[in-house]
Amino acid sequence: MNSTSICKIVSREQLNAAIASGRFDGSTHDQADGFLHFSTPSQLAGTLAAHYADAQELWLLRCDVVGFGDELRWEASRGGELFPHLYADLEMQRVTSIQPIRLSHSGAAHPLSIRRRILYLHGWQSVVGGVKPSSLRAAGHEVIEPELDDDDFESAWQSAQEAYDRHRPELVVGSSRGGALAVNLNLPARVPRIVLCPAWKKWGVATRVPVNTLVLHSSQDDVIAFADSMMLIKNSEIPMSHLIETGSDHRLATPDAIDQLNAACIEFPDRMFRPWSSIELIE
């Protein structure tokens, strides 16, 4: 019974209604579809995969179990394992994270497959469809990758901003010059950015990044100094833990760097607390 979080899968309409009212109504009974109570991912996954594998626009909400006390019931599954359930009303302020998901049944280890919509901004003299965005696509993410002008930063910025405005991705990733574009984009405060060896000193005007920014950089980079990323983090007055050293050169194309990027795209947005006052109703 050491679970630290409980989860709820909801539809688009249910999420809209809860944001409007400020709470989810509780239920006095369990429902097999998982929509009326909170439980752990491993308990929700089997039934959801069987009944909602093709469902669109589902959302995963998470809460810490701490503080619920007697409102949580620990109930045994058919296999005898105990899982927490919350049947009481839930105030939205107690929800710590929200993310869109698609569900797939891949066994007990990782039954929930999270797929994000990502805007990827390539580097100078790079091409659309490179190693890093291809790895994100292979992981199941929807990757929007506009072609960016190598010779005109303002034109490249315009293309990147238009791509964001058109597709409204939940995450922006930029590499090198694309990282400089990412930190200069006009984004809602809730949208996280992951920038790889960002060339912010060479292009653009931004010298600070918001707290929901993660920087990946190699200390062996001979194109953009690792110290530049350290300076960016210090300028921004955000934790140095938001700078991760990985890879062996500027490209960040080694297996460990690719794995680090893929993990960051899954985990980093979910670490960022998003106040409910900043979440807009979905049209």
C-alpha atoms as a PDB file:
ATOM      1  CA  MET A   1       0.000   0.000   0.000  1.00  0.00           C
ATOM      2  CA  ASN A   2       2.858   2.346  -0.782  1.00  0.00           C
ATOM      3  CA  SER A   3       1.321   3.825  -3.921  1.00  0.00           C
ATOM      4  CA  THR A   4       2.037   7.557  -4.143  1.00  0.00           C
ATOM      5  CA  SER A   5      -0.597   8.497  -6.695  1.00  0.00           C
ATOM      6  CA  ILE A   6      -4.023   7.519  -7.868  1.00  0.00           C
ATOM      7  CA  CYS A   7      -5.380   8.059 -11.333  1.00  0.00           C
ATOM      8  CA  LYS A   8      -8.611   8.718 -13.159  1.00  0.00           C
ATOM      9  CA  ILE A   9      -9.329   8.380 -16.865  1.00  0.00           C
ATOM     10  CA  VAL A  10     -11.958  10.793 -18.161  1.00  0.00           C
ATOM     11  CA  SER A  11     -13.466  11.791 -21.451  1.00  0.00           C
ATOM     12  CA  ARG A  12     -13.209  15.258 -22.939  1.00  0.00           C
ATOM     13  CA  GLU A  13     -16.763  16.081 -21.891  1.00  0.00           C
ATOM     14  CA  GLN A  14     -16.214  14.922 -18.312  1.00  0.00           C
ATOM     15  CA  LEU A  15     -13.056  16.987 -18.014  1.00  0.00           C
ATOM     16  CA  ASN A  16     -14.796  20.097 -19.337  1.00  0.00           C
ATOM     17  CA  ALA A  17     -17.640  19.658 -16.863  1.00  0.00           C
ATOM     18  CA  ALA A  18     -15.261  19.179 -13.932  1.00  0.00           C
ATOM     19  CA  ILE A  19     -13.214  22.261 -14.832  1.00  0.00           C
ATOM     20  CA  ALA A  20     -16.427  24.273 -15.057  1.00  0.00           C
ATOM     21  CA  SER A  21     -17.771  23.056 -11.699  1.00  0.00           C
ATOM     22  CA  GLY A  22     -14.443  22.761  -9.877  1.00  0.00           C
ATOM     23  CA  ARG A  23     -14.936  19.143  -8.875  1.00  0.00           C
ATOM     24  CA  PHE A  24     -15.686  15.575  -9.854  1.00  0.00           C
ATOM     25  CA  ASP A  25     -18.774  14.080  -8.248  1.00  0.00           C
ATOM     26  CA  GLY A  26     -18.105  10.968  -6.226  1.00  0.00           C
ATOM     27  CA  SER A  27     -19.788   7.608  -6.623  1.00  0.00           C
ATOM     28  CA  THR A  28     -20.940   5.185  -3.963  1.00  0.00           C
ATOM     29  CA  HIS A  29     -20.166   2.162  -6.099  1.00  0.00           C
ATOM     30  CA  ASP A  30     -17.392   0.827  -8.299  1.00  0.00           C
ATOM     31  CA  GLN A  31     -17.737   0.953 -12.073  1.00  0.00           C
ATOM     32  CA  ALA A  32     -15.754  -1.348 -14.335  1.00  0.00           C
ATOM     33  CA  ASP A  33     -15.017   1.383 -16.852  1.00  0.00           C
ATOM     34  CA  GLY A  34     -12.914   3.314 -14.350  1.00  0.00           C
ATOM     35  CA  PHE A  35     -14.634   6.637 -14.991  1.00  0.00           C
ATOM     36  CA  LEU A  36     -16.340   7.131 -11.630  1.00  0.00           C
ATOM     37  CA  HIS A  37     -13.474   6.726  -9.193  1.00  0.00           C
ATOM     38  CA  PHE A  38      -9.728   7.034  -8.858  1.00  0.00           C
ATOM     39  CA  SER A  39      -7.458   4.002  -8.815  1.00  0.00           C
ATOM     40  CA  THR A  40      -3.915   3.039  -9.818  1.00  0.00           C
ATOM     41  CA  PRO A  41      -2.808   2.782 -13.467  1.00  0.00           C
ATOM     42  CA  SER A  42      -2.273  -0.963 -13.199  1.00  0.00           C
ATOM     43  CA  GLN A  43      -5.845  -1.583 -12.053  1.00  0.00           C
ATOM     44  CA  LEU A  44      -7.503   0.730 -14.543  1.00  0.00           C
ATOM     45  CA  ALA A  45      -5.511  -0.429 -17.528  1.00  0.00           C
ATOM     46  CA  GLY A  46      -6.902  -3.899 -18.198  1.00  0.00           C
ATOM     47  CA  THR A  47     -10.561  -2.979 -18.359  1.00  0.00           C
ATOM     48  CA  LEU A  48      -9.875   0.302 -20.136  1.00  0.00           C
ATOM     49  CA  ALA A  49      -7.763  -1.425 -22.771  1.00  0.00           C
ATOM     50  CA  ALA A  50     -10.530  -3.939 -23.355  1.00  0.00           C
ATOM     51  CA  HIS A  51     -13.381  -1.429 -23.570  1.00  0.00           C
ATOM     52  CA  TYR A  52     -11.755   1.853 -24.663  1.00  0.00           C
ATOM     53  CA  ALA A  53      -8.760   0.858 -26.791  1.00  0.00           C
ATOM     54  CA  ASP A  54     -10.111   2.866 -29.727  1.00  0.00           C
ATOM     55  CA  ALA A  55     -11.472   5.786 -27.707  1.00  0.00           C
ATOM     56  CA  GLN A  56     -10.282   9.255 -28.631  1.00  0.00           C
ATOM     57  CA  GLU A  57      -9.470  12.255 -26.428  1.00  0.00           C
ATOM     58  CA  LEU A  58      -9.090  10.496 -23.115  1.00  0.00           C
ATOM     59  CA  TRP A  59      -7.290  12.266 -20.287  1.00  0.00           C
ATOM     60  CA  LEU A  60      -5.268  10.909 -17.373  1.00  0.00           C
ATOM     61  CA  LEU A  61      -5.551  12.799 -14.069  1.00  0.00           C
ATOM     62  CA  ARG A  62      -3.353  12.114 -11.054  1.00  0.00           C
ATOM     63  CA  CYS A  63      -3.576  12.876  -7.342  1.00  0.00           C
ATOM     64  CA  ASP A  64      -1.285  12.154  -4.425  1.00  0.00           C
ATOM     65  CA  VAL A  65      -2.825   9.702  -1.976  1.00  0.00           C
ATOM     66  CA  VAL A  66      -1.479  11.723   0.947  1.00  0.00           C
ATOM     67  CA  GLY A  67      -4.187  13.679   2.707  1.00  0.00           C
ATOM     68  CA  PHE A  68      -7.219  11.664   1.677  1.00  0.00           C
ATOM     69  CA  GLY A  69      -7.287   9.581   4.857  1.00  0.00           C
ATOM     70  CA  ASP A  70     -10.491   7.610   5.350  1.00  0.00           C
ATOM     71  CA  GLU A  71     -11.837   8.857   2.018  1.00  0.00           C
ATOM     72  CA  LEU A  72      -9.646   6.217   0.353  1.00  0.00           C
ATOM     73  CA  ARG A  73     -10.654   2.582   0.451  1.00  0.00           C
ATOM     74  CA  TRP A  74      -8.042  -0.107  -0.066  1.00  0.00           C
ATOM     75  CA  GLU A  75      -9.754  -2.938  -1.923  1.00  0.00           C
ATOM     76  CA  ALA A  76      -8.456  -6.253  -3.192  1.00  0.00           C
ATOM     77  CA  SER A  77      -8.381  -7.144  -6.875  1.00  0.00           C
ATOM     78  CA  ARG A  78      -9.254 -10.635  -8.088  1.00  0.00           C
ATOM     79  CA  GLY A  79      -5.584 -11.469  -7.699  1.00  0.00           C
ATOM     80  CA  GLY A  80      -5.611 -10.315  -4.089  1.00  0.00           C
ATOM     81  CA  GLU A  81      -3.547  -7.141  -4.578  1.00  0.00           C
ATOM     82  CA  LEU A  82      -4.775  -4.071  -2.705  1.00  0.00           C
ATOM     83  CA  PHE A  83      -5.589  -0.910  -4.662  1.00  0.00           C
ATOM     84  CA  PRO A  84      -6.763   2.507  -3.435  1.00  0.00           C
ATOM     85  CA  HIS A  85     -10.150   3.774  -4.602  1.00  0.00           C
ATOM     86  CA  LEU A  86     -11.666   7.191  -4.022  1.00  0.00           C
ATOM     87  CA  TYR A  87     -15.457   7.315  -4.061  1.00  0.00           C
ATOM     88  CA  ALA A  88     -15.886  10.759  -2.480  1.00  0.00           C
ATOM     89  CA  ASP A  89     -16.208  14.034  -4.376  1.00  0.00           C
ATOM     90  CA  LEU A  90     -12.879  15.357  -5.597  1.00  0.00           C
ATOM     91  CA  GLU A  91     -12.040  19.050  -5.676  1.00  0.00           C
ATOM     92  CA  MET A  92     -10.039  20.016  -8.740  1.00  0.00           C
ATOM     93  CA  GLN A  93      -7.387  21.717  -6.589  1.00  0.00           C
ATOM     94  CA  ARG A  94      -6.283  18.279  -5.413  1.00  0.00           C
ATOM     95  CA  VAL A  95      -5.430  17.111  -8.925  1.00  0.00           C
ATOM     96  CA  THR A  96      -1.675  17.426  -9.436  1.00  0.00           C
ATOM     97  CA  SER A  97      -1.348  16.687 -13.147  1.00  0.00           C
ATOM     98  CA  ILE A  98      -3.329  16.115 -16.307  1.00  0.00           C
ATOM     99  CA  GLN A  99      -2.288  14.745 -19.675  1.00  0.00           C
ATOM    100  CA  PRO A 100      -3.965  13.441 -22.835  1.00  0.00           C
ATOM    101  CA  ILE A 101      -3.391   9.748 -23.476  1.00  0.00           C
ATOM    102  CA  ARG A 102      -4.201   6.940 -25.824  1.00  0.00           C
ATOM    103  CA  LEU A 103      -4.551   3.504 -24.314  1.00  0.00           C
ATOM    104  CA  SER A 104      -2.904   0.287 -25.383  1.00  0.00           C
ATOM    105  CA  HIS A 105      -2.697  -3.078 -23.665  1.00  0.00           C
ATOM    106  CA  SER A 106       0.971  -4.074 -23.462  1.00  0.00           C
ATOM    107  CA  GLY A 107       0.998  -6.319 -20.435  1.00  0.00           C
ATOM    108  CA  ALA A 108       1.317  -5.704 -16.728  1.00  0.00           C
ATOM    109  CA  ALA A 109       4.540  -3.688 -16.788  1.00  0.00           C
ATOM    110  CA  HIS A 110       3.446  -0.590 -18.694  1.00  0.00           C
ATOM    111  CA  PRO A 111      -0.252  -0.903 -19.584  1.00  0.00           C
ATOM    112  CA  LEU A 112      -0.759   2.817 -20.216  1.00  0.00           C
ATOM    113  CA  SER A 113       0.946   4.225 -23.306  1.00  0.00           C
ATOM    114  CA  ILE A 114       1.297   8.018 -23.267  1.00  0.00           C
ATOM    115  CA  ARG A 115       1.519   9.707 -26.651  1.00  0.00           C
ATOM    116  CA  ARG A 116       2.038  13.414 -26.914  1.00  0.00           C
ATOM    117  CA  ARG A 117       1.616  15.997 -29.639  1.00  0.00           C
ATOM    118  CA  ILE A 118       5.069  17.557 -29.997  1.00  0.00           C
ATOM    119  CA  LEU A 119       6.293  20.524 -32.015  1.00  0.00           C
ATOM    120  CA  TYR A 120       9.889  19.712 -33.008  1.00  0.00           C
ATOM    121  CA  LEU A 121      12.156  22.518 -34.257  1.00  0.00           C
ATOM    122  CA  HIS A 122      15.266  21.299 -36.071  1.00  0.00           C
ATOM    123  CA  GLY A 123      18.699  22.883 -35.971  1.00  0.00           C
ATOM    124  CA  TRP A 124      20.657  24.959 -38.478  1.00  0.00           C
ATOM    125  CA  GLN A 125      21.394  23.014 -41.683  1.00  0.00           C
ATOM    126  CA  SER A 126      19.467  20.049 -40.308  1.00  0.00           C
ATOM    127  CA  VAL A 127      16.674  18.344 -42.196  1.00  0.00           C
ATOM    128  CA  VAL A 128      13.089  17.447 -41.406  1.00  0.00           C
ATOM    129  CA  GLY A 129      12.856  13.801 -40.346  1.00  0.00           C
ATOM    130  CA  GLY A 130      16.201  13.536 -38.559  1.00  0.00           C
ATOM    131  CA  VAL A 131      17.211  10.981 -35.942  1.00  0.00           C
ATOM    132  CA  LYS A 132      15.696  12.715 -32.918  1.00  0.00           C
ATOM    133  CA  PRO A 133      12.212  13.521 -34.287  1.00  0.00           C
ATOM    134  CA  SER A 134      12.128  10.087 -35.938  1.00  0.00           C
ATOM    135  CA  SER A 135      12.779   8.460 -32.564  1.00  0.00           C
ATOM    136  CA  LEU A 136       9.866  10.400 -31.085  1.00  0.00           C
ATOM    137  CA  ARG A 137       7.587   9.235 -33.898  1.00  0.00           C
ATOM    138  CA  ALA A 138       8.767   5.662 -33.385  1.00  0.00           C
ATOM    139  CA  ALA A 139       7.726   5.986 -29.738  1.00  0.00           C
ATOM    140  CA  GLY A 140       4.194   6.779 -30.905  1.00  0.00           C
ATOM    141  CA  HIS A 141       4.145  10.556 -30.506  1.00  0.00           C
ATOM    142  CA  GLU A 142       2.562  12.872 -33.033  1.00  0.00           C
ATOM    143  CA  VAL A 143       5.447  15.077 -34.182  1.00  0.00           C
ATOM    144  CA  ILE A 144       4.833  18.360 -35.995  1.00  0.00           C
ATOM    145  CA  GLU A 145       8.065  19.360 -37.729  1.00  0.00           C
ATOM    146  CA  PRO A 146       7.991  22.502 -39.877  1.00  0.00           C
ATOM    147  CA  GLU A 147      10.766  23.240 -42.351  1.00  0.00           C
ATOM    148  CA  LEU A 148      12.742  26.199 -41.005  1.00  0.00           C
ATOM    149  CA  ASP A 149      14.662  28.785 -43.026  1.00  0.00           C
ATOM    150  CA  ASP A 150      18.416  28.416 -42.392  1.00  0.00           C
ATOM    151  CA  ASP A 151      19.283  31.926 -43.566  1.00  0.00           C
ATOM    152  CA  ASP A 152      16.581  34.071 -41.966  1.00  0.00           C
ATOM    153  CA  PHE A 153      15.929  33.614 -38.237  1.00  0.00           C
ATOM    154  CA  GLU A 154      12.862  35.858 -38.312  1.00  0.00           C
ATOM    155  CA  SER A 155      11.347  33.749 -41.087  1.00  0.00           C
ATOM    156  CA  ALA A 156      12.166  30.553 -39.188  1.00  0.00           C
ATOM    157  CA  TRP A 157      10.587  32.018 -36.050  1.00  0.00           C
ATOM    158  CA  GLN A 158       7.443  32.880 -38.005  1.00  0.00           C
ATOM    159  CA  SER A 159       7.189  29.319 -39.347  1.00  0.00           C
ATOM    160  CA  ALA A 160       7.636  27.874 -35.863  1.00  0.00           C
ATOM    161  CA  GLN A 161       5.097  30.233 -34.289  1.00  0.00           C
ATOM    162  CA  GLU A 162       2.549  29.507 -37.020  1.00  0.00           C
ATOM    163  CA  ALA A 163       3.049  25.764 -36.514  1.00  0.00           C
ATOM    164  CA  TYR A 164       2.390  26.141 -32.795  1.00  0.00           C
ATOM    165  CA  ASP A 165      -0.667  28.345 -33.330  1.00  0.00           C
ATOM    166  CA  ARG A 166      -2.110  25.929 -35.888  1.00  0.00           C
ATOM    167  CA  HIS A 167      -1.513  22.616 -34.109  1.00  0.00           C
ATOM    168  CA  ARG A 168      -1.472  23.621 -30.412  1.00  0.00           C
ATOM    169  CA  PRO A 169       0.971  20.898 -29.298  1.00  0.00           C
ATOM    170  CA  GLU A 170       1.328  20.102 -25.615  1.00  0.00           C
ATOM    171  CA  LEU A 171       5.138  20.176 -25.749  1.00  0.00           C
ATOM    172  CA  VAL A 172       7.777  22.064 -27.773  1.00  0.00           C
ATOM    173  CA  VAL A 173      11.194  20.504 -28.434  1.00  0.00           C
ATOM    174  CA  GLY A 174      13.999  22.428 -30.148  1.00  0.00           C
ATOM    175  CA  SER A 175      17.553  21.447 -31.077  1.00  0.00           C
ATOM    176  CA  SER A 176      20.455  23.944 -31.282  1.00  0.00           C
ATOM    177  CA  ARG A 177      19.118  26.822 -33.422  1.00  0.00           C
ATOM    178  CA  GLY A 178      15.705  25.192 -33.001  1.00  0.00           C
ATOM    179  CA  GLY A 179      16.274  25.459 -29.256  1.00  0.00           C
ATOM    180  CA  ALA A 180      16.834  29.192 -29.691  1.00  0.00           C
ATOM    181  CA  LEU A 181      13.561  29.337 -31.616  1.00  0.00           C
ATOM    182  CA  ALA A 182      11.789  27.392 -28.866  1.00  0.00           C
ATOM    183  CA  VAL A 183      12.865  29.781 -26.108  1.00  0.00           C
ATOM    184  CA  ASN A 184      11.791  32.775 -28.217  1.00  0.00           C
ATOM    185  CA  LEU A 185       8.315  31.474 -29.122  1.00  0.00           C
ATOM    186  CA  ASN A 186       5.183  33.041 -27.672  1.00  0.00           C
ATOM    187  CA  LEU A 187       3.664  30.106 -25.790  1.00  0.00           C
ATOM    188  CA  PRO A 188       1.031  29.817 -23.059  1.00  0.00           C
ATOM    189  CA  ALA A 189       2.674  29.551 -19.647  1.00  0.00           C
ATOM    190  CA  ARG A 190       1.477  25.978 -19.224  1.00  0.00           C
ATOM    191  CA  VAL A 191       3.305  24.624 -22.321  1.00  0.00           C
ATOM    192  CA  PRO A 192       6.658  23.012 -21.407  1.00  0.00           C
ATOM    193  CA  ARG A 193       9.786  23.286 -23.568  1.00  0.00           C
ATOM    194  CA  ILE A 194      12.637  20.814 -23.919  1.00  0.00           C
ATOM    195  CA  VAL A 195      15.668  22.368 -25.600  1.00  0.00           C
ATOM    196  CA  LEU A 196      18.751  20.491 -26.782  1.00  0.00           C
ATOM    197  CA  CYS A 197      22.092  22.340 -26.791  1.00  0.00           C
ATOM    198  CA  PRO A 198      20.182  25.600 -27.321  1.00  0.00           C
ATOM    199  CA  ALA A 199      22.010  28.259 -29.351  1.00  0.00           C
ATOM    200  CA  TRP A 200      20.289  31.090 -27.493  1.00  0.00           C
ATOM    201  CA  LYS A 201      23.404  33.296 -27.527  1.00  0.00           C
ATOM    202  CA  LYS A 202      23.619  33.174 -31.332  1.00  0.00           C
ATOM    203  CA  TRP A 203      19.980  33.689 -32.295  1.00  0.00           C
ATOM    204  CA  GLY A 204      17.000  35.499 -30.823  1.00  0.00           C
ATOM    205  CA  VAL A 205      16.614  37.883 -27.929  1.00  0.00           C
ATOM    206  CA  ALA A 206      15.555  35.607 -25.055  1.00  0.00           C
ATOM    207  CA  THR A 207      18.052  35.303 -22.208  1.00  0.00           C
ATOM    208  CA  ARG A 208      15.720  33.575 -19.734  1.00  0.00           C
ATOM    209  CA  VAL A 209      13.342  30.627 -19.892  1.00  0.00           C
ATOM    210  CA  PRO A 210      10.258  29.786 -17.807  1.00  0.00           C
ATOM    211  CA  VAL A 211      10.430  27.206 -15.050  1.00  0.00           C
ATOM    212  CA  ASN A 212       8.785  24.516 -17.180  1.00  0.00           C
ATOM    213  CA  THR A 213      11.857  24.329 -19.430  1.00  0.00           C
ATOM    214  CA  LEU A 214      14.274  21.389 -19.506  1.00  0.00           C
ATOM    215  CA  VAL A 215      17.715  21.635 -21.137  1.00  0.00           C
ATOM    216  CA  LEU A 216      19.632  18.610 -22.459  1.00  0.00           C
ATOM    217  CA  HIS A 217      23.280  19.267 -23.351  1.00  0.00           C
ATOM    218  CA  SER A 218      26.579  17.422 -23.712  1.00  0.00           C
ATOM    219  CA  SER A 219      29.576  18.690 -21.778  1.00  0.00           C
ATOM    220  CA  GLN A 220      31.649  17.593 -24.802  1.00  0.00           C
ATOM    221  CA  ASP A 221      29.727  19.824 -27.213  1.00  0.00           C
ATOM    222  CA  ASP A 222      32.275  21.698 -29.365  1.00  0.00           C
ATOM    223  CA  VAL A 223      29.648  23.817 -31.171  1.00  0.00           C
ATOM    224  CA  ILE A 224      27.580  25.313 -28.349  1.00  0.00           C
ATOM    225  CA  ALA A 225      29.371  25.488 -25.005  1.00  0.00           C
ATOM    226  CA  PHE A 226      27.830  23.558 -22.121  1.00  0.00           C
ATOM    227  CA  ALA A 227      28.525  26.682 -20.054  1.00  0.00           C
ATOM    228  CA  ASP A 228      25.971  28.553 -22.190  1.00  0.00           C
ATOM    229  CA  SER A 229      23.218  26.268 -20.924  1.00  0.00           C
ATOM    230  CA  MET A 230      24.424  26.670 -17.351  1.00  0.00           C
ATOM    231  CA  MET A 231      24.223  30.431 -17.836  1.00  0.00           C
ATOM    232  CA  LEU A 232      20.699  30.157 -19.259  1.00  0.00           C
ATOM    233  CA  ILE A 233      19.537  28.194 -16.212  1.00  0.00           C
ATOM    234  CA  LYS A 234      21.185  30.663 -13.822  1.00  0.00           C
ATOM    235  CA  ASN A 235      19.747  33.664 -15.675  1.00  0.00           C
ATOM    236  CA  SER A 236      16.308  32.102 -15.382  1.00  0.00           C
ATOM    237  CA  GLU A 237      16.652  31.401 -11.644  1.00  0.00           C
ATOM    238  CA  ILE A 238      15.317  27.886 -12.059  1.00  0.00           C
ATOM    239  CA  PRO A 239      16.747  24.714 -10.466  1.00  0.00           C
ATOM    240  CA  MET A 240      19.996  23.412 -11.934  1.00  0.00           C
ATOM    241  CA  SER A 241      18.250  20.021 -12.071  1.00  0.00           C
ATOM    242  CA  HIS A 242      16.528  21.393 -15.191  1.00  0.00           C
ATOM    243  CA  LEU A 243      19.877  21.004 -16.994  1.00  0.00           C
ATOM    244  CA  ILE A 244      20.712  17.385 -17.841  1.00  0.00           C
ATOM    245  CA  GLU A 245      24.134  16.399 -19.154  1.00  0.00           C
ATOM    246  CA  THR A 246      23.847  13.686 -21.804  1.00  0.00           C
ATOM    247  CA  GLY A 247      25.383  12.553 -25.091  1.00  0.00           C
ATOM    248  CA  SER A 248      28.920  12.846 -26.427  1.00  0.00           C
ATOM    249  CA  ASP A 249      28.721  15.777 -28.860  1.00  0.00           C
ATOM    250  CA  HIS A 250      26.502  18.531 -30.224  1.00  0.00           C
ATOM    251  CA  ARG A 251      24.189  16.195 -32.143  1.00  0.00           C
ATOM    252  CA  LEU A 252      22.870  14.346 -29.065  1.00  0.00           C
ATOM    253  CA  ALA A 253      22.291  11.337 -31.308  1.00  0.00           C
ATOM    254  CA  THR A 254      23.909   8.627 -29.178  1.00  0.00           C
ATOM    255  CA  PRO A 255      21.562   5.938 -27.829  1.00  0.00           C
ATOM    256  CA  ASP A 256      21.779   7.308 -24.286  1.00  0.00           C
ATOM    257  CA  ALA A 257      20.930  10.836 -25.450  1.00  0.00           C
ATOM    258  CA  ILE A 258      18.012   9.580 -27.552  1.00  0.00           C
ATOM    259  CA  ASP A 259      16.735   7.571 -24.578  1.00  0.00           C
ATOM    260  CA  GLN A 260      17.083  10.651 -22.368  1.00  0.00           C
ATOM    261  CA  LEU A 261      15.068  12.747 -24.829  1.00  0.00           C
ATOM    262  CA  ASN A 262      12.329  10.133 -25.124  1.00  0.00           C
ATOM    263  CA  ALA A 263      12.091   9.797 -21.344  1.00  0.00           C
ATOM    264  CA  ALA A 264      12.012  13.568 -20.903  1.00  0.00           C
ATOM    265  CA  CYS A 265       9.130  13.941 -23.355  1.00  0.00           C
ATOM    266  CA  ILE A 266       7.093  11.498 -21.273  1.00  0.00           C
ATOM    267  CA  GLU A 267       8.122  12.477 -17.759  1.00  0.00           C
ATOM    268  CA  PHE A 268       9.012  16.177 -17.718  1.00  0.00           C
ATOM    269  CA  PRO A 269       5.609  17.665 -18.670  1.00  0.00           C
ATOM    270  CA  ASP A 270       3.976  15.496 -16.011  1.00  0.00           C
ATOM    271  CA  ARG A 271       6.339  16.838 -13.313  1.00  0.00           C
ATOM    272  CA  MET A 272       5.199  20.399 -13.900  1.00  0.00           C
ATOM    273  CA  PHE A 273       2.293  21.385 -11.643  1.00  0.00           C
ATOM    274  CA  ARG A 274      -0.416  23.168 -13.600  1.00  0.00           C
ATOM    275  CA  PRO A 275      -2.846  25.241 -11.502  1.00  0.00           C
ATOM    276  CA  TRP A 276      -6.435  24.630 -12.499  1.00  0.00           C
ATOM    277  CA  SER A 277      -6.975  28.365 -12.882  1.00  0.00           C
ATOM    278  CA  SER A 278      -4.643  28.279 -15.900  1.00  0.00           C
ATOM    279  CA  ILE A 279      -6.384  25.417 -17.708  1.00  0.00           C
ATOM    280  CA  GLU A 280      -8.804  26.476 -20.405  1.00  0.00           C
ATOM    281  CA  LEU A 281     -12.040  24.724 -21.271  1.00  0.00           C
ATOM    282  CA  ILE A 282     -11.579  22.547 -24.332  1.00  0.00           C
ATOM    283  CA  GLU A 283     -13.636  23.771 -27.233  1.00  0.00           C
END
